C-alpha atoms as a PDB file:
ATOM      1  CA  MET A   1     -71.419 135.396  35.417  1.00  0.00           C
ATOM      2  CA  THR A   2     -70.029 136.268  32.338  1.00  0.00           C
ATOM      3  CA  ILE A   3     -66.351 134.645  31.114  1.00  0.00           C
ATOM      4  CA  ALA A   4     -65.057 138.378  31.564  1.00  0.00           C
ATOM      5  CA  ALA A   5     -66.330 138.743  35.023  1.00  0.00           C
ATOM      6  CA  LYS A   6     -64.963 135.334  35.880  1.00  0.00           C
ATOM      7  CA  GLU A   7     -62.124 136.063  34.694  1.00  0.00           C
ATOM      8  CA  LYS A   8     -61.553 139.262  36.734  1.00  0.00           C
ATOM      9  CA  SER A   9     -62.961 137.539  39.819  1.00  0.00           C
ATOM     10  CA  THR A  10     -59.905 135.182  39.694  1.00  0.00           C
ATOM     11  CA  ARG A  11     -57.595 137.608  39.785  1.00  0.00           C
ATOM     12  CA  VAL A  12     -54.924 138.005  42.700  1.00  0.00           C
ATOM     13  CA  LYS A  13     -54.913 140.994  44.610  1.00  0.00           C
ATOM     14  CA  PRO A  14     -51.976 143.540  44.004  1.00  0.00           C
ATOM     15  CA  SER A  15     -49.353 143.368  47.226  1.00  0.00           C
ATOM     16  CA  ALA A  16     -47.219 146.277  48.739  1.00  0.00           C
ATOM     17  CA  GLY A  17     -44.686 147.178  46.900  1.00  0.00           C
ATOM     18  CA  GLN A  18     -43.926 149.537  43.744  1.00  0.00           C
ATOM     19  CA  GLY A  19     -42.435 148.718  40.198  1.00  0.00           C
ATOM     20  CA  GLU A  20     -40.551 145.600  39.156  1.00  0.00           C
ATOM     21  CA  ASP A  21     -40.805 144.415  42.535  1.00  0.00           C
ATOM     22  CA  ARG A  22     -44.583 144.805  42.983  1.00  0.00           C
ATOM     23  CA  LYS A  23     -45.323 143.221  39.938  1.00  0.00           C
ATOM     24  CA  ALA A  24     -42.793 140.311  40.291  1.00  0.00           C
ATOM     25  CA  GLY A  25     -44.694 139.749  43.921  1.00  0.00           C
ATOM     26  CA  ILE A  26     -48.202 139.752  41.865  1.00  0.00           C
ATOM     27  CA  ILE A  27     -47.016 137.378  39.257  1.00  0.00           C
ATOM     28  CA  LEU A  28     -45.290 134.944  42.321  1.00  0.00           C
ATOM     29  CA  GLU A  29     -48.841 135.189  43.740  1.00  0.00           C
ATOM     30  CA  ALA A  30     -51.148 133.972  40.546  1.00  0.00           C
ATOM     31  CA  ALA A  31     -48.607 131.138  40.189  1.00  0.00           C
ATOM     32  CA  LYS A  32     -49.175 130.179  43.952  1.00  0.00           C
ATOM     33  CA  LYS A  33     -52.581 130.464  43.174  1.00  0.00           C
ATOM     34  CA  VAL A  34     -52.892 128.433  39.312  1.00  0.00           C
ATOM     35  CA  PHE A  35     -50.419 125.513  40.370  1.00  0.00           C
ATOM     36  CA  LEU A  36     -52.097 124.848  43.639  1.00  0.00           C
ATOM     37  CA  GLU A  37     -55.175 125.157  42.452  1.00  0.00           C
ATOM     38  CA  GLN A  38     -54.414 123.231  38.615  1.00  0.00           C
ATOM     39  CA  GLY A  39     -51.383 121.252  39.342  1.00  0.00           C
ATOM     40  CA  TYR A  40     -47.614 122.429  37.863  1.00  0.00           C
ATOM     41  CA  ASP A  41     -48.129 120.287  34.340  1.00  0.00           C
ATOM     42  CA  ALA A  42     -51.781 121.639  33.826  1.00  0.00           C
ATOM     43  CA  SER A  43     -50.920 125.281  34.344  1.00  0.00           C
ATOM     44  CA  SER A  44     -49.874 127.757  31.992  1.00  0.00           C
ATOM     45  CA  THR A  45     -48.184 130.909  31.674  1.00  0.00           C
ATOM     46  CA  ASP A  46     -51.230 132.304  30.021  1.00  0.00           C
ATOM     47  CA  LEU A  47     -53.312 131.405  32.610  1.00  0.00           C
ATOM     48  CA  ILE A  48     -50.801 133.266  35.318  1.00  0.00           C
ATOM     49  CA  ALA A  49     -50.937 136.109  33.321  1.00  0.00           C
ATOM     50  CA  SER A  50     -54.667 136.484  33.488  1.00  0.00           C
ATOM     51  CA  THR A  51     -54.979 135.480  36.965  1.00  0.00           C
ATOM     52  CA  ALA A  52     -52.285 138.189  37.679  1.00  0.00           C
ATOM     53  CA  GLY A  53     -53.545 140.562  35.007  1.00  0.00           C
ATOM     54  CA  VAL A  54     -50.645 141.072  32.988  1.00  0.00           C
ATOM     55  CA  SER A  55     -49.778 140.120  29.596  1.00  0.00           C
ATOM     56  CA  LYS A  56     -47.637 136.938  29.415  1.00  0.00           C
ATOM     57  CA  ALA A  57     -44.588 139.231  27.713  1.00  0.00           C
ATOM     58  CA  THR A  58     -44.702 140.622  31.440  1.00  0.00           C
ATOM     59  CA  VAL A  59     -44.593 137.439  33.122  1.00  0.00           C
ATOM     60  CA  TYR A  60     -41.783 136.330  30.475  1.00  0.00           C
ATOM     61  CA  LYS A  61     -40.162 139.751  31.209  1.00  0.00           C
ATOM     62  CA  ARG A  62     -39.314 138.650  34.483  1.00  0.00           C
ATOM     63  CA  PHE A  63     -39.260 134.872  34.633  1.00  0.00           C
ATOM     64  CA  LYS A  64     -37.804 133.362  31.546  1.00  0.00           C
ATOM     65  CA  SER A  65     -39.619 129.779  31.844  1.00  0.00           C
ATOM     66  CA  LYS A  66     -42.397 128.386  33.427  1.00  0.00           C
ATOM     67  CA  GLU A  67     -39.513 126.483  35.077  1.00  0.00           C
ATOM     68  CA  ALA A  68     -37.945 129.466  36.321  1.00  0.00           C
ATOM     69  CA  LEU A  69     -41.107 130.984  38.102  1.00  0.00           C
ATOM     70  CA  LEU A  70     -41.608 127.766  39.654  1.00  0.00           C
ATOM     71  CA  ILE A  71     -38.503 127.852  40.963  1.00  0.00           C
ATOM     72  CA  ALA A  72     -38.614 131.465  42.405  1.00  0.00           C
ATOM     73  CA  LEU A  73     -41.993 131.015  43.872  1.00  0.00           C
ATOM     74  CA  ILE A  74     -40.345 128.160  45.903  1.00  0.00           C
ATOM     75  CA  ASP A  75     -37.433 129.922  47.102  1.00  0.00           C
ATOM     76  CA  HIS A  76     -39.896 132.915  47.734  1.00  0.00           C
ATOM     77  CA  GLU A  77     -42.430 130.614  50.103  1.00  0.00           C
ATOM     78  CA  ILE A  78     -39.741 128.733  51.712  1.00  0.00           C
ATOM     79  CA  ARG A  79     -38.566 132.288  53.344  1.00  0.00           C
ATOM     80  CA  THR A  80     -42.042 133.090  53.999  1.00  0.00           C
ATOM     81  CA  ILE A  81     -43.415 129.697  55.502  1.00  0.00           C
ATOM     82  CA  LEU A  82     -40.639 128.827  57.523  1.00  0.00           C
ATOM     83  CA  PRO A  83     -39.889 129.919  60.476  1.00  0.00           C
ATOM     84  CA  GLU A  84     -36.320 131.766  61.122  1.00  0.00           C
ATOM     85  CA  THR A  85     -36.161 130.177  64.038  1.00  0.00           C
ATOM     86  CA  LEU A  86     -37.482 126.917  66.267  1.00  0.00           C
ATOM     87  CA  TRP A  87     -35.238 127.558  69.447  1.00  0.00           C
ATOM     88  CA  GLN A  88     -33.888 130.820  70.582  1.00  0.00           C
ATOM     89  CA  PRO A  89     -31.544 130.700  73.263  1.00  0.00           C
ATOM     90  CA  GLY A  90     -32.112 132.273  76.747  1.00  0.00           C
ATOM     91  CA  SER A  91     -29.893 134.071  79.582  1.00  0.00           C
ATOM     92  CA  GLY A  92     -32.305 132.270  82.419  1.00  0.00           C
ATOM     93  CA  ASN A  93     -32.713 128.603  82.917  1.00  0.00           C
ATOM     94  CA  LEU A  94     -33.377 125.878  79.981  1.00  0.00           C
ATOM     95  CA  ASP A  95     -36.582 124.231  80.384  1.00  0.00           C
ATOM     96  CA  ILE A  96     -35.991 121.251  78.416  1.00  0.00           C
ATOM     97  CA  GLU A  97     -39.973 120.438  78.548  1.00  0.00           C
ATOM     98  CA  ALA A  98     -41.387 123.839  77.841  1.00  0.00           C
ATOM     99  CA  SER A  99     -38.570 124.666  74.984  1.00  0.00           C
ATOM    100  CA  LEU A 100     -39.486 121.099  73.456  1.00  0.00           C
ATOM    101  CA  ARG A 101     -43.052 121.798  73.344  1.00  0.00           C
ATOM    102  CA  GLN A 102     -41.565 125.060  71.410  1.00  0.00           C
ATOM    103  CA  ILE A 103     -39.670 123.677  68.988  1.00  0.00           C
ATOM    104  CA  ALA A 104     -42.603 120.945  68.260  1.00  0.00           C
ATOM    105  CA  GLU A 105     -45.229 123.313  68.123  1.00  0.00           C
ATOM    106  CA  THR A 106     -43.333 126.006  65.995  1.00  0.00           C
ATOM    107  CA  TYR A 107     -42.202 122.652  63.440  1.00  0.00           C
ATOM    108  CA  LEU A 108     -45.630 121.104  62.568  1.00  0.00           C
ATOM    109  CA  ALA A 109     -46.758 124.215  62.011  1.00  0.00           C
ATOM    110  CA  ILE A 110     -45.398 123.974  59.155  1.00  0.00           C
ATOM    111  CA  PHE A 111     -47.064 121.124  58.266  1.00  0.00           C
ATOM    112  CA  LEU A 112     -51.198 122.398  59.720  1.00  0.00           C
ATOM    113  CA  THR A 113     -51.338 124.903  57.027  1.00  0.00           C
ATOM    114  CA  LYS A 114     -52.820 125.151  53.679  1.00  0.00           C
ATOM    115  CA  ALA A 115     -50.249 126.943  52.420  1.00  0.00           C
ATOM    116  CA  GLY A 116     -47.542 124.663  54.159  1.00  0.00           C
ATOM    117  CA  ALA A 117     -49.231 121.688  52.749  1.00  0.00           C
ATOM    118  CA  GLY A 118     -49.843 122.991  49.702  1.00  0.00           C
ATOM    119  CA  LEU A 119     -46.258 123.693  48.937  1.00  0.00           C
ATOM    120  CA  HIS A 120     -44.743 120.556  50.246  1.00  0.00           C
ATOM    121  CA  ARG A 121     -46.783 118.327  47.564  1.00  0.00           C
ATOM    122  CA  LEU A 122     -45.631 121.178  44.974  1.00  0.00           C
ATOM    123  CA  ILE A 123     -42.034 120.276  45.555  1.00  0.00           C
ATOM    124  CA  LEU A 124     -42.492 116.317  46.136  1.00  0.00           C
ATOM    125  CA  GLY A 125     -43.891 116.604  42.426  1.00  0.00           C
ATOM    126  CA  GLN A 126     -41.197 118.381  40.727  1.00  0.00           C
ATOM    127  CA  ALA A 127     -38.037 117.830  42.818  1.00  0.00           C
ATOM    128  CA  LEU A 128     -37.913 114.848  40.563  1.00  0.00           C
ATOM    129  CA  ARG A 129     -37.360 116.602  37.624  1.00  0.00           C
ATOM    130  CA  HIS A 130     -35.810 119.838  39.136  1.00  0.00           C
ATOM    131  CA  PRO A 131     -33.055 118.701  41.247  1.00  0.00           C
ATOM    132  CA  GLU A 132     -32.362 122.235  42.412  1.00  0.00           C
ATOM    133  CA  ILE A 133     -35.718 122.695  43.895  1.00  0.00           C
ATOM    134  CA  GLY A 134     -35.078 119.762  46.569  1.00  0.00           C
ATOM    135  CA  ARG A 135     -31.804 120.518  47.582  1.00  0.00           C
ATOM    136  CA  MET A 136     -33.232 123.905  47.878  1.00  0.00           C
ATOM    137  CA  PHE A 137     -36.228 122.781  49.507  1.00  0.00           C
ATOM    138  CA  TYR A 138     -33.679 120.661  51.803  1.00  0.00           C
ATOM    139  CA  ALA A 139     -30.956 123.330  52.709  1.00  0.00           C
ATOM    140  CA  ALA A 140     -33.949 125.584  53.678  1.00  0.00           C
ATOM    141  CA  GLY A 141     -36.071 123.492  55.414  1.00  0.00           C
ATOM    142  CA  PRO A 142     -35.267 120.049  56.722  1.00  0.00           C
ATOM    143  CA  GLN A 143     -31.581 120.877  56.620  1.00  0.00           C
ATOM    144  CA  ARG A 144     -31.712 124.139  59.114  1.00  0.00           C
ATOM    145  CA  THR A 145     -34.165 122.614  61.079  1.00  0.00           C
ATOM    146  CA  HIS A 146     -32.558 119.762  61.819  1.00  0.00           C
ATOM    147  CA  ALA A 147     -29.276 122.139  62.929  1.00  0.00           C
ATOM    148  CA  GLN A 148     -31.621 124.419  65.042  1.00  0.00           C
ATOM    149  CA  VAL A 149     -32.524 121.237  66.994  1.00  0.00           C
ATOM    150  CA  ALA A 150     -29.468 120.049  66.986  1.00  0.00           C
ATOM    151  CA  THR A 151     -28.300 123.174  68.733  1.00  0.00           C
ATOM    152  CA  PHE A 152     -30.325 122.919  71.179  1.00  0.00           C
ATOM    153  CA  ILE A 153     -29.830 119.570  72.701  1.00  0.00           C
ATOM    154  CA  LYS A 154     -26.380 120.328  72.554  1.00  0.00           C
ATOM    155  CA  ALA A 155     -27.005 123.157  74.696  1.00  0.00           C
ATOM    156  CA  ALA A 156     -28.835 121.153  76.652  1.00  0.00           C
ATOM    157  CA  VAL A 157     -26.176 118.354  77.582  1.00  0.00           C
ATOM    158  CA  GLU A 158     -23.867 121.274  78.068  1.00  0.00           C
ATOM    159  CA  LYS A 159     -26.112 122.352  81.009  1.00  0.00           C
ATOM    160  CA  ASP A 160     -25.745 118.768  82.277  1.00  0.00           C
ATOM    161  CA  LEU A 161     -29.726 118.032  81.568  1.00  0.00           C
ATOM    162  CA  LEU A 162     -29.516 115.788  78.894  1.00  0.00           C
ATOM    163  CA  VAL A 163     -27.030 112.856  78.241  1.00  0.00           C
ATOM    164  CA  VAL A 164     -27.092 112.526  74.319  1.00  0.00           C
ATOM    165  CA  PRO A 165     -24.490 110.207  72.942  1.00  0.00           C
ATOM    166  CA  ASP A 166     -25.043 111.118  69.413  1.00  0.00           C
ATOM    167  CA  VAL A 167     -26.653 115.158  68.862  1.00  0.00           C
ATOM    168  CA  SER A 168     -27.338 114.518  65.871  1.00  0.00           C
ATOM    169  CA  ILE A 169     -28.814 111.044  65.816  1.00  0.00           C
ATOM    170  CA  ALA A 170     -31.254 112.724  68.594  1.00  0.00           C
ATOM    171  CA  ALA A 171     -31.940 115.465  66.569  1.00  0.00           C
ATOM    172  CA  THR A 172     -33.168 113.527  63.723  1.00  0.00           C
ATOM    173  CA  GLN A 173     -35.543 111.132  66.208  1.00  0.00           C
ATOM    174  CA  PHE A 174     -37.064 114.090  67.958  1.00  0.00           C
ATOM    175  CA  LEU A 175     -38.525 115.229  64.479  1.00  0.00           C
ATOM    176  CA  SER A 176     -39.409 112.221  63.062  1.00  0.00           C
ATOM    177  CA  LEU A 177     -41.545 111.883  66.363  1.00  0.00           C
ATOM    178  CA  VAL A 178     -42.933 115.027  66.521  1.00  0.00           C
ATOM    179  CA  ARG A 179     -43.756 114.490  62.728  1.00  0.00           C
ATOM    180  CA  GLY A 180     -45.664 111.632  62.932  1.00  0.00           C
ATOM    181  CA  GLU A 181     -47.480 111.119  59.670  1.00  0.00           C
ATOM    182  CA  LEU A 182     -48.055 114.792  59.094  1.00  0.00           C
ATOM    183  CA  THR A 183     -46.429 114.379  55.932  1.00  0.00           C
ATOM    184  CA  LEU A 184     -48.201 111.152  54.451  1.00  0.00           C
ATOM    185  CA  ASN A 185     -51.094 114.005  55.006  1.00  0.00           C
ATOM    186  CA  SER A 186     -49.810 116.626  52.587  1.00  0.00           C
ATOM    187  CA  THR A 187     -48.627 114.448  50.921  1.00  0.00           C
ATOM    188  CA  PHE A 188     -51.891 112.469  49.966  1.00  0.00           C
ATOM    189  CA  SER A 189     -53.827 115.871  50.590  1.00  0.00           C
ATOM    190  CA  LEU A 190     -55.625 114.385  54.130  1.00  0.00           C
ATOM    191  CA  PRO A 191     -57.524 116.444  56.261  1.00  0.00           C
ATOM    192  CA  PHE A 192     -55.834 118.329  58.993  1.00  0.00           C
ATOM    193  CA  PRO A 193     -55.859 116.401  62.566  1.00  0.00           C
ATOM    194  CA  PRO A 194     -58.005 117.873  65.046  1.00  0.00           C
ATOM    195  CA  LYS A 195     -55.301 119.599  67.543  1.00  0.00           C
ATOM    196  CA  GLU A 196     -56.334 117.191  70.193  1.00  0.00           C
ATOM    197  CA  ALA A 197     -54.474 114.647  68.324  1.00  0.00           C
ATOM    198  CA  VAL A 198     -51.602 117.401  67.374  1.00  0.00           C
ATOM    199  CA  ASP A 199     -51.424 117.789  71.449  1.00  0.00           C
ATOM    200  CA  ALA A 200     -51.103 114.379  71.841  1.00  0.00           C
ATOM    201  CA  LEU A 201     -48.483 113.377  69.691  1.00  0.00           C
ATOM    202  CA  VAL A 202     -46.223 116.547  71.124  1.00  0.00           C
ATOM    203  CA  ASP A 203     -46.367 115.329  74.659  1.00  0.00           C
ATOM    204  CA  SER A 204     -46.006 111.790  73.511  1.00  0.00           C
ATOM    205  CA  SER A 205     -43.035 112.943  71.269  1.00  0.00           C
ATOM    206  CA  ILE A 206     -41.625 114.599  74.450  1.00  0.00           C
ATOM    207  CA  ARG A 207     -41.974 111.803  77.275  1.00  0.00           C
ATOM    208  CA  MET A 208     -39.880 109.773  74.718  1.00  0.00           C
ATOM    209  CA  PHE A 209     -37.793 112.244  73.787  1.00  0.00           C
ATOM    210  CA  LEU A 210     -37.064 111.838  77.641  1.00  0.00           C
ATOM    211  CA  ALA A 211     -37.198 108.846  78.851  1.00  0.00           C
ATOM    212  CA  ALA A 212     -34.363 107.656  76.316  1.00  0.00           C
ATOM    213  CA  TYR A 213     -32.186 111.445  76.822  1.00  0.00           C
ATOM    214  CA  GLY A 214     -33.378 112.980  79.979  1.00  0.00           C
ATOM    215  CA  ARG A 215     -31.471 112.789  82.796  1.00  0.00           C
ATOM    216  CA  LYS A 216     -32.880 109.289  84.515  1.00  0.00           C
ATOM    217  CA  SER A 217     -33.075 111.209  88.645  1.00  0.00           C
ATOM    218  CA  ASP A 218     -34.562 114.216  86.785  1.00  0.00           C
ATOM    219  CA  LEU A 219     -37.539 112.422  85.015  1.00  0.00           C
ATOM    220  CA  ARG A 220     -41.307 112.368  86.186  1.00  0.00           C
ATOM    221  CA  ARG A 221     -42.478 108.746  87.816  1.00  0.00           C
END
């Protein structure tokens, strides 16, 4: 394969859209590919432009620097990857165990995809030098997730289904239980655990949470 052909084969496919938004989207997809494959520090706007199939001037026309491109990419990926909600209140009876399982599985899905794991590593690697990235991710990710779990727990307490002295602490504990070492796996690029291991982690986490906060008369013996 010639150098020109090889370069052409690495270009990202254009996404849907028109005009400036479409062009910016193509550049963001190229930046994502390059940052995740090469690492942020080893990446260049020349390579991003080549991968996107545009000129370097076109990249700078839409993003004033590589840092601005990184921030725009992370903002886009957070909105794309992170779920809108972990739990949606319904009009019927609240099934505590089923709801906790839904929350846990939706939450863990973030860490069990190549895109989610890659984004996590990219953010950790740049948050120290670019604090705005850390703040952006925390507000859109961990902080919002915690708030949603706390809302669920509060609803369960109000229905007398859980006994929780501190809702915020309980939300932190549940997320910590189901997350386990998945963030470490993501940070160190370790293989994803098998589904059986993830299911066992979720089951055990729910049992521990209900053992601590479930109404004693309702706990399974």
